Amino acid sequence: MSKLVQWWPFIVAYASSFVLGQFTVDTSYPKLQ
């Protein structure tokens, strides 16, 4: 459990960057068409 607490900021950062990347692709892709 302590390892999970130690790693959660990295997991949150990875998840947020992934979501942000998906959001950027979804918003910029129609403009390229």
PDB file of N, CA and C in Angstrom:
ATOM      1  N   MET A   1       0.831  -1.202   0.000  1.00  0.00           N
ATOM      2  CA  MET A   1       0.000   0.000   0.000  1.00  0.00           C
ATOM      3  C   MET A   1       0.866   1.254   0.000  1.00  0.00           C
ATOM      4  N   SER A   2       1.954   1.232   0.741  1.00  0.00           N
ATOM      5  CA  SER A   2       2.825   2.408   0.785  1.00  0.00           C
ATOM      6  C   SER A   2       3.446   2.675  -0.585  1.00  0.00           C
ATOM      7  N   LYS A   3       3.693   1.596  -1.350  1.00  0.00           N
ATOM      8  CA  LYS A   3       4.239   1.794  -2.697  1.00  0.00           C
ATOM      9  C   LYS A   3       3.210   2.475  -3.591  1.00  0.00           C
ATOM     10  N   LEU A   4       1.957   2.094  -3.435  1.00  0.00           N
ATOM     11  CA  LEU A   4       0.902   2.715  -4.234  1.00  0.00           C
ATOM     12  C   LEU A   4       0.799   4.202  -3.911  1.00  0.00           C
ATOM     13  N   VAL A   5       0.883   4.528  -2.616  1.00  0.00           N
ATOM     14  CA  VAL A   5       0.840   5.936  -2.206  1.00  0.00           C
ATOM     15  C   VAL A   5       2.042   6.685  -2.765  1.00  0.00           C
ATOM     16  N   GLN A   6       3.169   5.979  -2.868  1.00  0.00           N
ATOM     17  CA  GLN A   6       4.384   6.614  -3.376  1.00  0.00           C
ATOM     18  C   GLN A   6       4.279   6.870  -4.881  1.00  0.00           C
ATOM     19  N   TRP A   7       3.566   5.994  -5.583  1.00  0.00           N
ATOM     20  CA  TRP A   7       3.512   6.093  -7.051  1.00  0.00           C
ATOM     21  C   TRP A   7       2.299   6.847  -7.578  1.00  0.00           C
ATOM     22  N   TRP A   8       1.282   7.114  -6.729  1.00  0.00           N
ATOM     23  CA  TRP A   8       0.064   7.688  -7.292  1.00  0.00           C
ATOM     24  C   TRP A   8       0.252   9.006  -8.020  1.00  0.00           C
ATOM     25  N   PRO A   9       1.179   9.916  -7.628  1.00  0.00           N
ATOM     26  CA  PRO A   9       1.330  11.150  -8.413  1.00  0.00           C
ATOM     27  C   PRO A   9       1.765  10.877  -9.847  1.00  0.00           C
ATOM     28  N   PHE A  10       2.620   9.864 -10.040  1.00  0.00           N
ATOM     29  CA  PHE A  10       3.058   9.536 -11.401  1.00  0.00           C
ATOM     30  C   PHE A  10       1.901   8.947 -12.201  1.00  0.00           C
ATOM     31  N   ILE A  11       1.094   8.120 -11.536  1.00  0.00           N
ATOM     32  CA  ILE A  11      -0.055   7.530 -12.225  1.00  0.00           C
ATOM     33  C   ILE A  11      -1.054   8.616 -12.619  1.00  0.00           C
ATOM     34  N   VAL A  12      -1.296   9.550 -11.719  1.00  0.00           N
ATOM     35  CA  VAL A  12      -2.229  10.644 -12.011  1.00  0.00           C
ATOM     36  C   VAL A  12      -1.691  11.519 -13.141  1.00  0.00           C
ATOM     37  N   ALA A  13      -0.388  11.801 -13.117  1.00  0.00           N
ATOM     38  CA  ALA A  13       0.210  12.632 -14.162  1.00  0.00           C
ATOM     39  C   ALA A  13       0.120  11.933 -15.512  1.00  0.00           C
ATOM     40  N   TYR A  14       0.379  10.618 -15.532  1.00  0.00           N
ATOM     41  CA  TYR A  14       0.303   9.866 -16.783  1.00  0.00           C
ATOM     42  C   TYR A  14      -1.130   9.844 -17.309  1.00  0.00           C
ATOM     43  N   ALA A  15      -2.077   9.599 -16.416  1.00  0.00           N
ATOM     44  CA  ALA A  15      -3.474   9.539 -16.834  1.00  0.00           C
ATOM     45  C   ALA A  15      -3.956  10.898 -17.340  1.00  0.00           C
ATOM     46  N   SER A  16      -3.576  11.969 -16.648  1.00  0.00           N
ATOM     47  CA  SER A  16      -4.021  13.302 -17.058  1.00  0.00           C
ATOM     48  C   SER A  16      -3.390  13.699 -18.386  1.00  0.00           C
ATOM     49  N   SER A  17      -2.119  13.329 -18.595  1.00  0.00           N
ATOM     50  CA  SER A  17      -1.472  13.656 -19.861  1.00  0.00           C
ATOM     51  C   SER A  17      -2.107  12.862 -20.992  1.00  0.00           C
ATOM     52  N   PHE A  18      -2.498  11.612 -20.719  1.00  0.00           N
ATOM     53  CA  PHE A  18      -3.157  10.801 -21.741  1.00  0.00           C
ATOM     54  C   PHE A  18      -4.509  11.401 -22.110  1.00  0.00           C
ATOM     55  N   VAL A  19      -5.275  11.803 -21.100  1.00  0.00           N
ATOM     56  CA  VAL A  19      -6.586  12.410 -21.350  1.00  0.00           C
ATOM     57  C   VAL A  19      -6.423  13.725 -22.102  1.00  0.00           C
ATOM     58  N   LEU A  20      -5.420  14.510 -21.713  1.00  0.00           N
ATOM     59  CA  LEU A  20      -5.193  15.787 -22.379  1.00  0.00           C
ATOM     60  C   LEU A  20      -4.788  15.561 -23.834  1.00  0.00           C
ATOM     61  N   GLY A  21      -3.985  14.537 -24.089  1.00  0.00           N
ATOM     62  CA  GLY A  21      -3.583  14.215 -25.460  1.00  0.00           C
ATOM     63  C   GLY A  21      -4.786  13.800 -26.296  1.00  0.00           C
ATOM     64  N   GLN A  22      -5.660  12.977 -25.723  1.00  0.00           N
ATOM     65  CA  GLN A  22      -6.855  12.561 -26.442  1.00  0.00           C
ATOM     66  C   GLN A  22      -7.749  13.764 -26.733  1.00  0.00           C
ATOM     67  N   PHE A  23      -7.880  14.662 -25.759  1.00  0.00           N
ATOM     68  CA  PHE A  23      -8.705  15.851 -25.936  1.00  0.00           C
ATOM     69  C   PHE A  23      -8.130  16.739 -27.036  1.00  0.00           C
ATOM     70  N   THR A  24      -6.795  16.876 -27.071  1.00  0.00           N
ATOM     71  CA  THR A  24      -6.149  17.700 -28.093  1.00  0.00           C
ATOM     72  C   THR A  24      -6.366  17.106 -29.471  1.00  0.00           C
ATOM     73  N   VAL A  25      -6.246  15.790 -29.589  1.00  0.00           N
ATOM     74  CA  VAL A  25      -6.460  15.129 -30.881  1.00  0.00           C
ATOM     75  C   VAL A  25      -7.906  15.307 -31.323  1.00  0.00           C
ATOM     76  N   ASP A  26      -8.841  15.142 -30.395  1.00  0.00           N
ATOM     77  CA  ASP A  26     -10.255  15.247 -30.738  1.00  0.00           C
ATOM     78  C   ASP A  26     -10.619  16.664 -31.180  1.00  0.00           C
ATOM     79  N   THR A  27      -9.964  17.675 -30.617  1.00  0.00           N
ATOM     80  CA  THR A  27     -10.328  19.051 -30.951  1.00  0.00           C
ATOM     81  C   THR A  27      -9.583  19.560 -32.176  1.00  0.00           C
ATOM     82  N   SER A  28      -8.364  19.056 -32.414  1.00  0.00           N
ATOM     83  CA  SER A  28      -7.570  19.576 -33.526  1.00  0.00           C
ATOM     84  C   SER A  28      -7.778  18.771 -34.804  1.00  0.00           C
ATOM     85  N   TYR A  29      -8.234  17.535 -34.709  1.00  0.00           N
ATOM     86  CA  TYR A  29      -8.369  16.697 -35.901  1.00  0.00           C
ATOM     87  C   TYR A  29      -9.393  17.240 -36.899  1.00  0.00           C
ATOM     88  N   PRO A  30     -10.589  17.674 -36.446  1.00  0.00           N
ATOM     89  CA  PRO A  30     -11.550  18.217 -37.420  1.00  0.00           C
ATOM     90  C   PRO A  30     -11.030  19.452 -38.141  1.00  0.00           C
ATOM     91  N   LYS A  31     -10.173  20.236 -37.484  1.00  0.00           N
ATOM     92  CA  LYS A  31      -9.655  21.437 -38.138  1.00  0.00           C
ATOM     93  C   LYS A  31      -8.696  21.083 -39.267  1.00  0.00           C
ATOM     94  N   LEU A  32      -8.029  19.920 -39.161  1.00  0.00           N
ATOM     95  CA  LEU A  32      -7.078  19.523 -40.194  1.00  0.00           C
ATOM     96  C   LEU A  32      -7.787  18.979 -41.423  1.00  0.00           C
ATOM     97  N   GLN A  33      -9.016  18.533 -41.262  1.00  0.00           N
ATOM     98  CA  GLN A  33      -9.743  17.954 -42.387  1.00  0.00           C
ATOM     99  C   GLN A  33     -10.135  19.016 -43.388  1.00  0.00           C
TER     100      GLN A  33
END
